[in-house]
PDB file of N, CA and C in Angstrom:
ATOM      1  N   ARG A   1     113.127 101.887 102.486  1.00  0.00           N
ATOM      2  CA  ARG A   1     112.353 101.005 103.337  1.00  0.00           C
ATOM      3  C   ARG A   1     111.588 101.772 104.399  1.00  0.00           C
ATOM      4  N   ARG A   2     112.142 102.845 104.860  1.00  0.00           N
ATOM      5  CA  ARG A   2     111.433 103.611 105.884  1.00  0.00           C
ATOM      6  C   ARG A   2     110.104 104.098 105.347  1.00  0.00           C
ATOM      7  N   ARG A   3     110.051 104.414 104.064  1.00  0.00           N
ATOM      8  CA  ARG A   3     108.783 104.848 103.498  1.00  0.00           C
ATOM      9  C   ARG A   3     107.768 103.713 103.518  1.00  0.00           C
ATOM     10  N   GLY A   4     108.216 102.482 103.347  1.00  0.00           N
ATOM     11  CA  GLY A   4     107.309 101.338 103.402  1.00  0.00           C
ATOM     12  C   GLY A   4     106.689 101.186 104.775  1.00  0.00           C
ATOM     13  N   VAL A   5     107.515 101.307 105.810  1.00  0.00           N
ATOM     14  CA  VAL A   5     106.999 101.238 107.175  1.00  0.00           C
ATOM     15  C   VAL A   5     106.038 102.391 107.411  1.00  0.00           C
ATOM     16  N   HIS A   6     106.437 103.568 107.002  1.00  0.00           N
ATOM     17  CA  HIS A   6     105.613 104.756 107.173  1.00  0.00           C
ATOM     18  C   HIS A   6     104.263 104.581 106.481  1.00  0.00           C
ATOM     19  N   ALA A   7     104.271 104.114 105.251  1.00  0.00           N
ATOM     20  CA  ALA A   7     103.028 103.919 104.501  1.00  0.00           C
ATOM     21  C   ALA A   7     102.159 102.852 105.150  1.00  0.00           C
ATOM     22  N   GLY A   8     102.765 101.746 105.574  1.00  0.00           N
ATOM     23  CA  GLY A   8     101.992 100.682 106.210  1.00  0.00           C
ATOM     24  C   GLY A   8     101.324 101.143 107.484  1.00  0.00           C
ATOM     25  N   ARG A   9     102.074 101.870 108.314  1.00  0.00           N
ATOM     26  CA  ARG A   9     101.510 102.369 109.581  1.00  0.00           C
ATOM     27  C   ARG A   9     100.351 103.320 109.309  1.00  0.00           C
ATOM     28  N   HIS A  10     100.542 104.205 108.358  1.00  0.00           N
ATOM     29  CA  HIS A  10      99.491 105.179 108.077  1.00  0.00           C
ATOM     30  C   HIS A  10      98.282 104.552 107.406  1.00  0.00           C
ATOM     31  N   ARG A  11      98.467 103.549 106.597  1.00  0.00           N
ATOM     32  CA  ARG A  11      97.316 102.885 105.978  1.00  0.00           C
ATOM     33  C   ARG A  11      96.492 102.170 107.036  1.00  0.00           C
ATOM     34  N   ILE A  12      97.144 101.530 107.989  1.00  0.00           N
ATOM     35  CA  ILE A  12      96.412 100.869 109.073  1.00  0.00           C
ATOM     36  C   ILE A  12      95.675 101.916 109.900  1.00  0.00           C
ATOM     37  N   ALA A  13      96.353 103.002 110.266  1.00  0.00           N
ATOM     38  CA  ALA A  13      95.731 104.049 111.079  1.00  0.00           C
ATOM     39  C   ALA A  13      94.558 104.695 110.356  1.00  0.00           C
ATOM     40  N   CYS A  14      94.694 104.962 109.073  1.00  0.00           N
ATOM     41  CA  CYS A  14      93.588 105.559 108.311  1.00  0.00           C
ATOM     42  C   CYS A  14      92.399 104.609 108.231  1.00  0.00           C
ATOM     43  N   ALA A  15      92.671 103.322 108.062  1.00  0.00           N
ATOM     44  CA  ALA A  15      91.585 102.342 108.015  1.00  0.00           C
ATOM     45  C   ALA A  15      90.843 102.305 109.346  1.00  0.00           C
ATOM     46  N   VAL A  16      91.592 102.294 110.458  1.00  0.00           N
ATOM     47  CA  VAL A  16      90.967 102.300 111.792  1.00  0.00           C
ATOM     48  C   VAL A  16      90.179 103.586 111.985  1.00  0.00           C
ATOM     49  N   HIS A  17      90.781 104.720 111.650  1.00  0.00           N
ATOM     50  CA  HIS A  17      90.119 106.016 111.820  1.00  0.00           C
ATOM     51  C   HIS A  17      88.777 106.053 111.090  1.00  0.00           C
ATOM     52  N   SER A  18      88.705 105.436 109.931  1.00  0.00           N
ATOM     53  CA  SER A  18      87.462 105.468 109.143  1.00  0.00           C
ATOM     54  C   SER A  18      86.319 104.718 109.809  1.00  0.00           C
ATOM     55  N   THR A  19      86.609 103.892 110.822  1.00  0.00           N
ATOM     56  CA  THR A  19      85.550 103.131 111.498  1.00  0.00           C
ATOM     57  C   THR A  19      85.083 103.784 112.790  1.00  0.00           C
ATOM     58  N   LEU A  20      85.761 104.857 113.217  1.00  0.00           N
ATOM     59  CA  LEU A  20      85.457 105.472 114.515  1.00  0.00           C
ATOM     60  C   LEU A  20      84.484 106.644 114.381  1.00  0.00           C
ATOM     61  N   ALA A  21      83.714 106.867 115.434  1.00  0.00           N
ATOM     62  CA  ALA A  21      82.785 107.994 115.475  1.00  0.00           C
ATOM     63  C   ALA A  21      83.563 109.298 115.622  1.00  0.00           C
ATOM     64  N   ALA A  22      82.940 110.390 115.254  1.00  0.00           N
ATOM     65  CA  ALA A  22      83.561 111.709 115.396  1.00  0.00           C
ATOM     66  C   ALA A  22      83.931 111.950 116.856  1.00  0.00           C
ATOM     67  N   GLY A  23      85.111 112.496 117.093  1.00  0.00           N
ATOM     68  CA  GLY A  23      85.561 112.795 118.444  1.00  0.00           C
ATOM     69  C   GLY A  23      86.295 111.672 119.135  1.00  0.00           C
ATOM     70  N   VAL A  24      86.360 110.505 118.517  1.00  0.00           N
ATOM     71  CA  VAL A  24      87.083 109.368 119.100  1.00  0.00           C
ATOM     72  C   VAL A  24      88.498 109.371 118.535  1.00  0.00           C
ATOM     73  N   ALA A  25      89.482 109.348 119.418  1.00  0.00           N
ATOM     74  CA  ALA A  25      90.881 109.375 118.999  1.00  0.00           C
ATOM     75  C   ALA A  25      91.476 107.971 119.076  1.00  0.00           C
ATOM     76  N   TYR A  26      92.668 107.839 118.519  1.00  0.00           N
ATOM     77  CA  TYR A  26      93.368 106.554 118.542  1.00  0.00           C
ATOM     78  C   TYR A  26      94.864 106.821 118.493  1.00  0.00           C
ATOM     79  N   THR A  27      95.632 105.832 118.914  1.00  0.00           N
ATOM     80  CA  THR A  27      97.083 105.909 118.808  1.00  0.00           C
ATOM     81  C   THR A  27      97.627 104.514 118.533  1.00  0.00           C
ATOM     82  N   SER A  28      98.753 104.447 117.853  1.00  0.00           N
ATOM     83  CA  SER A  28      99.357 103.155 117.525  1.00  0.00           C
ATOM     84  C   SER A  28      99.865 102.457 118.777  1.00  0.00           C
ATOM     85  N   ILE A  29      99.655 101.151 118.842  1.00  0.00           N
ATOM     86  CA  ILE A  29     100.203 100.334 119.920  1.00  0.00           C
ATOM     87  C   ILE A  29     101.425  99.574 119.420  1.00  0.00           C
ATOM     88  N   ASP A  30     101.279  98.918 118.268  1.00  0.00           N
ATOM     89  CA  ASP A  30     102.404  98.170 117.726  1.00  0.00           C
ATOM     90  C   ASP A  30     102.301  98.096 116.208  1.00  0.00           C
ATOM     91  N   LEU A  31     103.421  97.709 115.599  1.00  0.00           N
ATOM     92  CA  LEU A  31     103.501  97.550 114.150  1.00  0.00           C
ATOM     93  C   LEU A  31     104.530  96.475 113.845  1.00  0.00           C
ATOM     94  N   GLN A  32     104.150  95.525 113.022  1.00  0.00           N
ATOM     95  CA  GLN A  32     105.076  94.484 112.569  1.00  0.00           C
ATOM     96  C   GLN A  32     105.104  94.520 111.054  1.00  0.00           C
ATOM     97  N   VAL A  33     106.297  94.569 110.477  1.00  0.00           N
ATOM     98  CA  VAL A  33     106.456  94.681 109.036  1.00  0.00           C
ATOM     99  C   VAL A  33     107.284  93.514 108.523  1.00  0.00           C
ATOM    100  N   ALA A  34     106.853  92.940 107.408  1.00  0.00           N
ATOM    101  CA  ALA A  34     107.617  91.911 106.708  1.00  0.00           C
ATOM    102  C   ALA A  34     107.984  92.464 105.337  1.00  0.00           C
ATOM    103  N   TYR A  35     109.275  92.578 105.082  1.00  0.00           N
ATOM    104  CA  TYR A  35     109.756  93.045 103.779  1.00  0.00           C
ATOM    105  C   TYR A  35     109.890  91.827 102.864  1.00  0.00           C
ATOM    106  N   LEU A  36     109.189  91.845 101.738  1.00  0.00           N
ATOM    107  CA  LEU A  36     109.136  90.682 100.866  1.00  0.00           C
ATOM    108  C   LEU A  36     110.063  90.781  99.667  1.00  0.00           C
ATOM    109  N   ARG A  37     110.282  91.983  99.159  1.00  0.00           N
ATOM    110  CA  ARG A  37     111.196  92.207  98.033  1.00  0.00           C
ATOM    111  C   ARG A  37     111.615  93.672  98.045  1.00  0.00           C
ATOM    112  N   PRO A  38     112.777  93.984  97.486  1.00  0.00           N
ATOM    113  CA  PRO A  38     113.245  95.373  97.495  1.00  0.00           C
ATOM    114  C   PRO A  38     112.514  96.233  96.469  1.00  0.00           C
ATOM    115  N   LEU A  39     112.469  97.520  96.742  1.00  0.00           N
ATOM    116  CA  LEU A  39     111.973  98.495  95.774  1.00  0.00           C
ATOM    117  C   LEU A  39     113.162  99.098  95.040  1.00  0.00           C
ATOM    118  N   ALA A  40     112.948  99.427  93.768  1.00  0.00           N
ATOM    119  CA  ALA A  40     113.992 100.063  92.966  1.00  0.00           C
ATOM    120  C   ALA A  40     113.360 101.218  92.201  1.00  0.00           C
ATOM    121  N   SER A  41     114.191 102.010  91.551  1.00  0.00           N
ATOM    122  CA  SER A  41     113.671 103.126  90.765  1.00  0.00           C
ATOM    123  C   SER A  41     112.804 102.635  89.609  1.00  0.00           C
ATOM    124  N   THR A  42     112.920 101.365  89.267  1.00  0.00           N
ATOM    125  CA  THR A  42     112.131 100.781  88.175  1.00  0.00           C
ATOM    126  C   THR A  42     110.876 100.063  88.682  1.00  0.00           C
ATOM    127  N   SER A  43     110.580 100.179  89.969  1.00  0.00           N
ATOM    128  CA  SER A  43     109.446  99.454  90.558  1.00  0.00           C
ATOM    129  C   SER A  43     108.094 100.017  90.152  1.00  0.00           C
ATOM    130  N   GLY A  44     108.071 101.225  89.600  1.00  0.00           N
ATOM    131  CA  GLY A  44     106.801 101.831  89.204  1.00  0.00           C
ATOM    132  C   GLY A  44     106.062 102.421  90.388  1.00  0.00           C
ATOM    133  N   LEU A  45     104.787 102.676  90.176  1.00  0.00           N
ATOM    134  CA  LEU A  45     103.937 103.259  91.209  1.00  0.00           C
ATOM    135  C   LEU A  45     103.767 102.276  92.363  1.00  0.00           C
ATOM    136  N   VAL A  46     104.038 102.733  93.580  1.00  0.00           N
ATOM    137  CA  VAL A  46     103.907 101.907  94.778  1.00  0.00           C
ATOM    138  C   VAL A  46     102.598 102.289  95.466  1.00  0.00           C
ATOM    139  N   VAL A  47     101.788 101.282  95.779  1.00  0.00           N
ATOM    140  CA  VAL A  47     100.471 101.517  96.380  1.00  0.00           C
ATOM    141  C   VAL A  47     100.386 100.778  97.710  1.00  0.00           C
ATOM    142  N   ALA A  48      99.924 101.483  98.753  1.00  0.00           N
ATOM    143  CA  ALA A  48      99.709 100.887 100.075  1.00  0.00           C
ATOM    144  C   ALA A  48      98.208 100.877 100.359  1.00  0.00           C
ATOM    145  N   THR A  49      97.711  99.716 100.771  1.00  0.00           N
ATOM    146  CA  THR A  49      96.288  99.548 101.072  1.00  0.00           C
ATOM    147  C   THR A  49      96.142  99.044 102.506  1.00  0.00           C
ATOM    148  N   GLY A  50      95.245  99.668 103.273  1.00  0.00           N
ATOM    149  CA  GLY A  50      95.025  99.257 104.654  1.00  0.00           C
ATOM    150  C   GLY A  50      93.604  98.772 104.859  1.00  0.00           C
ATOM    151  N   THR A  51      93.442  97.765 105.697  1.00  0.00           N
ATOM    152  CA  THR A  51      92.122  97.237 106.041  1.00  0.00           C
ATOM    153  C   THR A  51      92.046  96.994 107.548  1.00  0.00           C
ATOM    154  N   VAL A  52      90.854  97.076 108.072  1.00  0.00           N
ATOM    155  CA  VAL A  52      90.618  96.778 109.483  1.00  0.00           C
ATOM    156  C   VAL A  52      90.249  95.305 109.591  1.00  0.00           C
ATOM    157  N   VAL A  53      90.944  94.594 110.450  1.00  0.00           N
ATOM    158  CA  VAL A  53      90.667  93.179 110.677  1.00  0.00           C
ATOM    159  C   VAL A  53      89.566  93.022 111.720  1.00  0.00           C
ATOM    160  N   ARG A  54      89.681  93.815 112.798  1.00  0.00           N
ATOM    161  CA  ARG A  54      88.691  93.755 113.877  1.00  0.00           C
ATOM    162  C   ARG A  54      88.781  95.033 114.689  1.00  0.00           C
ATOM    163  N   THR A  55      87.635  95.554 115.099  1.00  0.00           N
ATOM    164  CA  THR A  55      87.591  96.705 115.993  1.00  0.00           C
ATOM    165  C   THR A  55      86.833  96.310 117.247  1.00  0.00           C
ATOM    166  N   GLY A  56      87.517  96.385 118.384  1.00  0.00           N
ATOM    167  CA  GLY A  56      86.884  96.129 119.677  1.00  0.00           C
ATOM    168  C   GLY A  56      86.558  97.445 120.362  1.00  0.00           C
ATOM    169  N   ARG A  57      86.208  97.373 121.645  1.00  0.00           N
ATOM    170  CA  ARG A  57      85.888  98.598 122.382  1.00  0.00           C
ATOM    171  C   ARG A  57      87.117  99.455 122.633  1.00  0.00           C
ATOM    172  N   ARG A  58      88.289  98.823 122.850  1.00  0.00           N
ATOM    173  CA  ARG A  58      89.505  99.571 123.207  1.00  0.00           C
ATOM    174  C   ARG A  58      90.645  99.405 122.205  1.00  0.00           C
ATOM    175  N   VAL A  59      90.629  98.355 121.409  1.00  0.00           N
ATOM    176  CA  VAL A  59      91.737  98.093 120.480  1.00  0.00           C
ATOM    177  C   VAL A  59      91.174  97.716 119.111  1.00  0.00           C
ATOM    178  N   ALA A  60      91.817  98.244 118.077  1.00  0.00           N
ATOM    179  CA  ALA A  60      91.477  97.884 116.695  1.00  0.00           C
ATOM    180  C   ALA A  60      92.714  97.275 116.047  1.00  0.00           C
ATOM    181  N   PHE A  61      92.509  96.257 115.225  1.00  0.00           N
ATOM    182  CA  PHE A  61      93.593  95.552 114.559  1.00  0.00           C
ATOM    183  C   PHE A  61      93.482  95.767 113.058  1.00  0.00           C
ATOM    184  N   GLY A  62      94.622  96.035 112.419  1.00  0.00           N
ATOM    185  CA  GLY A  62      94.606  96.297 110.991  1.00  0.00           C
ATOM    186  C   GLY A  62      95.726  95.588 110.266  1.00  0.00           C
ATOM    187  N   ARG A  63      95.631  95.647 108.941  1.00  0.00           N
ATOM    188  CA  ARG A  63      96.608  95.015 108.069  1.00  0.00           C
ATOM    189  C   ARG A  63      96.863  95.955 106.900  1.00  0.00           C
ATOM    190  N   ALA A  64      98.094  95.993 106.411  1.00  0.00           N
ATOM    191  CA  ALA A  64      98.423  96.794 105.232  1.00  0.00           C
ATOM    192  C   ALA A  64      99.251  95.958 104.272  1.00  0.00           C
ATOM    193  N   GLU A  65      99.076  96.229 102.990  1.00  0.00           N
ATOM    194  CA  GLU A  65      99.882  95.588 101.960  1.00  0.00           C
ATOM    195  C   GLU A  65     100.425  96.678 101.052  1.00  0.00           C
ATOM    196  N   ILE A  66     101.688  96.570 100.708  1.00  0.00           N
ATOM    197  CA  ILE A  66     102.326  97.527  99.816  1.00  0.00           C
ATOM    198  C   ILE A  66     102.756  96.759  98.571  1.00  0.00           C
ATOM    199  N   VAL A  67     102.306  97.218  97.391  1.00  0.00           N
ATOM    200  CA  VAL A  67     102.612  96.546  96.131  1.00  0.00           C
ATOM    201  C   VAL A  67     103.318  97.508  95.183  1.00  0.00           C
ATOM    202  N   ASP A  68     104.114  96.935  94.274  1.00  0.00           N
ATOM    203  CA  ASP A  68     104.814  97.758  93.287  1.00  0.00           C
ATOM    204  C   ASP A  68     103.954  97.919  92.033  1.00  0.00           C
ATOM    205  N   GLY A  69     104.515  98.562  91.015  1.00  0.00           N
ATOM    206  CA  GLY A  69     103.779  98.833  89.793  1.00  0.00           C
ATOM    207  C   GLY A  69     103.322  97.596  89.050  1.00  0.00           C
ATOM    208  N   ALA A  70     103.977  96.466  89.284  1.00  0.00           N
ATOM    209  CA  ALA A  70     103.584  95.202  88.643  1.00  0.00           C
ATOM    210  C   ALA A  70     102.562  94.434  89.475  1.00  0.00           C
ATOM    211  N   GLY A  71     102.164  95.012  90.618  1.00  0.00           N
ATOM    212  CA  GLY A  71     101.197  94.351  91.486  1.00  0.00           C
ATOM    213  C   GLY A  71     101.809  93.318  92.415  1.00  0.00           C
ATOM    214  N   LYS A  72     103.148  93.261  92.460  1.00  0.00           N
ATOM    215  CA  LYS A  72     103.830  92.316  93.345  1.00  0.00           C
ATOM    216  C   LYS A  72     103.957  92.912  94.741  1.00  0.00           C
ATOM    217  N   ALA A  73     103.658  92.109  95.753  1.00  0.00           N
ATOM    218  CA  ALA A  73     103.756  92.572  97.139  1.00  0.00           C
ATOM    219  C   ALA A  73     105.221  92.813  97.495  1.00  0.00           C
ATOM    220  N   VAL A  74     105.515  93.990  98.026  1.00  0.00           N
ATOM    221  CA  VAL A  74     106.872  94.304  98.475  1.00  0.00           C
ATOM    222  C   VAL A  74     106.968  94.318 100.001  1.00  0.00           C
ATOM    223  N   ALA A  75     105.849  94.530 100.677  1.00  0.00           N
ATOM    224  CA  ALA A  75     105.841  94.506 102.143  1.00  0.00           C
ATOM    225  C   ALA A  75     104.421  94.260 102.637  1.00  0.00           C
ATOM    226  N   GLU A  76     104.336  93.664 103.814  1.00  0.00           N
ATOM    227  CA  GLU A  76     103.059  93.471 104.501  1.00  0.00           C
ATOM    228  C   GLU A  76     103.246  93.935 105.933  1.00  0.00           C
ATOM    229  N   ALA A  77     102.197  94.484 106.508  1.00  0.00           N
ATOM    230  CA  ALA A  77     102.279  94.957 107.890  1.00  0.00           C
ATOM    231  C   ALA A  77     100.996  94.614 108.630  1.00  0.00           C
ATOM    232  N   THR A  78     101.138  94.360 109.911  1.00  0.00           N
ATOM    233  CA  THR A  78      99.988  94.233 110.805  1.00  0.00           C
ATOM    234  C   THR A  78     100.243  95.163 111.978  1.00  0.00           C
ATOM    235  N   GLY A  79      99.179  95.671 112.545  1.00  0.00           N
ATOM    236  CA  GLY A  79      99.333  96.575 113.673  1.00  0.00           C
ATOM    237  C   GLY A  79      98.042  96.713 114.448  1.00  0.00           C
ATOM    238  N   SER A  80      98.150  97.399 115.565  1.00  0.00           N
ATOM    239  CA  SER A  80      96.972  97.641 116.392  1.00  0.00           C
ATOM    240  C   SER A  80      96.988  99.074 116.894  1.00  0.00           C
ATOM    241  N   CYS A  81      95.794  99.574 117.163  1.00  0.00           N
ATOM    242  CA  CYS A  81      95.622 100.946 117.655  1.00  0.00           C
ATOM    243  C   CYS A  81      94.767 100.925 118.916  1.00  0.00           C
ATOM    244  N   LEU A  82      95.160 101.715 119.902  1.00  0.00           N
ATOM    245  CA  LEU A  82      94.365 101.902 121.105  1.00  0.00           C
ATOM    246  C   LEU A  82      93.304 102.950 120.810  1.00  0.00           C
ATOM    247  N   ILE A  83      92.066 102.648 121.103  1.00  0.00           N
ATOM    248  CA  ILE A  83      90.963 103.581 120.880  1.00  0.00           C
ATOM    249  C   ILE A  83      90.745 104.369 122.170  1.00  0.00           C
ATOM    250  N   VAL A  84      90.787 105.692 122.043  1.00  0.00           N
ATOM    251  CA  VAL A  84      90.661 106.588 123.195  1.00  0.00           C
ATOM    252  C   VAL A  84      89.422 107.446 122.973  1.00  0.00           C
ATOM    253  N   ASP A  85      88.351 107.115 123.663  1.00  0.00           N
ATOM    254  CA  ASP A  85      87.106 107.857 123.500  1.00  0.00           C
ATOM    255  C   ASP A  85      87.054 108.955 124.543  1.00  0.00           C
ATOM    256  N   GLY A  86      87.453 110.149 124.150  1.00  0.00           N
ATOM    257  CA  GLY A  86      87.480 111.273 125.071  1.00  0.00           C
ATOM    258  C   GLY A  86      86.194 112.067 125.103  1.00  0.00           C
ATOM    259  N   ARG A  87      85.179 111.631 124.359  1.00  0.00           N
ATOM    260  CA  ARG A  87      83.930 112.394 124.291  1.00  0.00           C
ATOM    261  C   ARG A  87      83.201 112.458 125.626  1.00  0.00           C
ATOM    262  N   ALA A  88      83.316 111.377 126.428  1.00  0.00           N
ATOM    263  CA  ALA A  88      82.555 111.324 127.679  1.00  0.00           C
ATOM    264  C   ALA A  88      83.361 111.810 128.887  1.00  0.00           C
ATOM    265  N   ALA A  89      84.631 112.158 128.673  1.00  0.00           N
ATOM    266  CA  ALA A  89      85.484 112.566 129.803  1.00  0.00           C
ATOM    267  C   ALA A  89      85.092 113.965 130.273  1.00  0.00           C
ATOM    268  N   PRO A  90      84.845 114.119 131.574  1.00  0.00           N
ATOM    269  CA  PRO A  90      84.496 115.452 132.094  1.00  0.00           C
ATOM    270  C   PRO A  90      85.727 116.363 132.112  1.00  0.00           C
ATOM    271  N   LEU A  91      85.512 117.629 131.951  1.00  0.00           N
ATOM    272  CA  LEU A  91      86.603 118.595 132.031  1.00  0.00           C
ATOM    273  C   LEU A  91      86.918 118.873 133.494  1.00  0.00           C
ATOM    274  N   ALA A  92      88.181 118.960 133.814  1.00  0.00           N
ATOM    275  CA  ALA A  92      88.577 119.182 135.215  1.00  0.00           C
ATOM    276  C   ALA A  92      88.595 120.654 135.530  1.00  0.00           C
TER     277      ALA A  92
END
């Protein structure tokens, strides 16, 4: 199960990252996971897909779905990332 959480968090973060300009950083704010069914050694290839729901000036919201080899959802996650634009910050 830890891999499911890990995959969901990273899929959301990668989706958010793909919408940001070069030099803009981000960090996770929260993550909520719903486990829908267990994974087993017979579950086949597990695929995690992340999408951006909305990107604001400071916070981006995303969603991830994890499916097994039969295409059945095993977990869903929602999360948000704080957008940190350090490009304009002066050096001290």
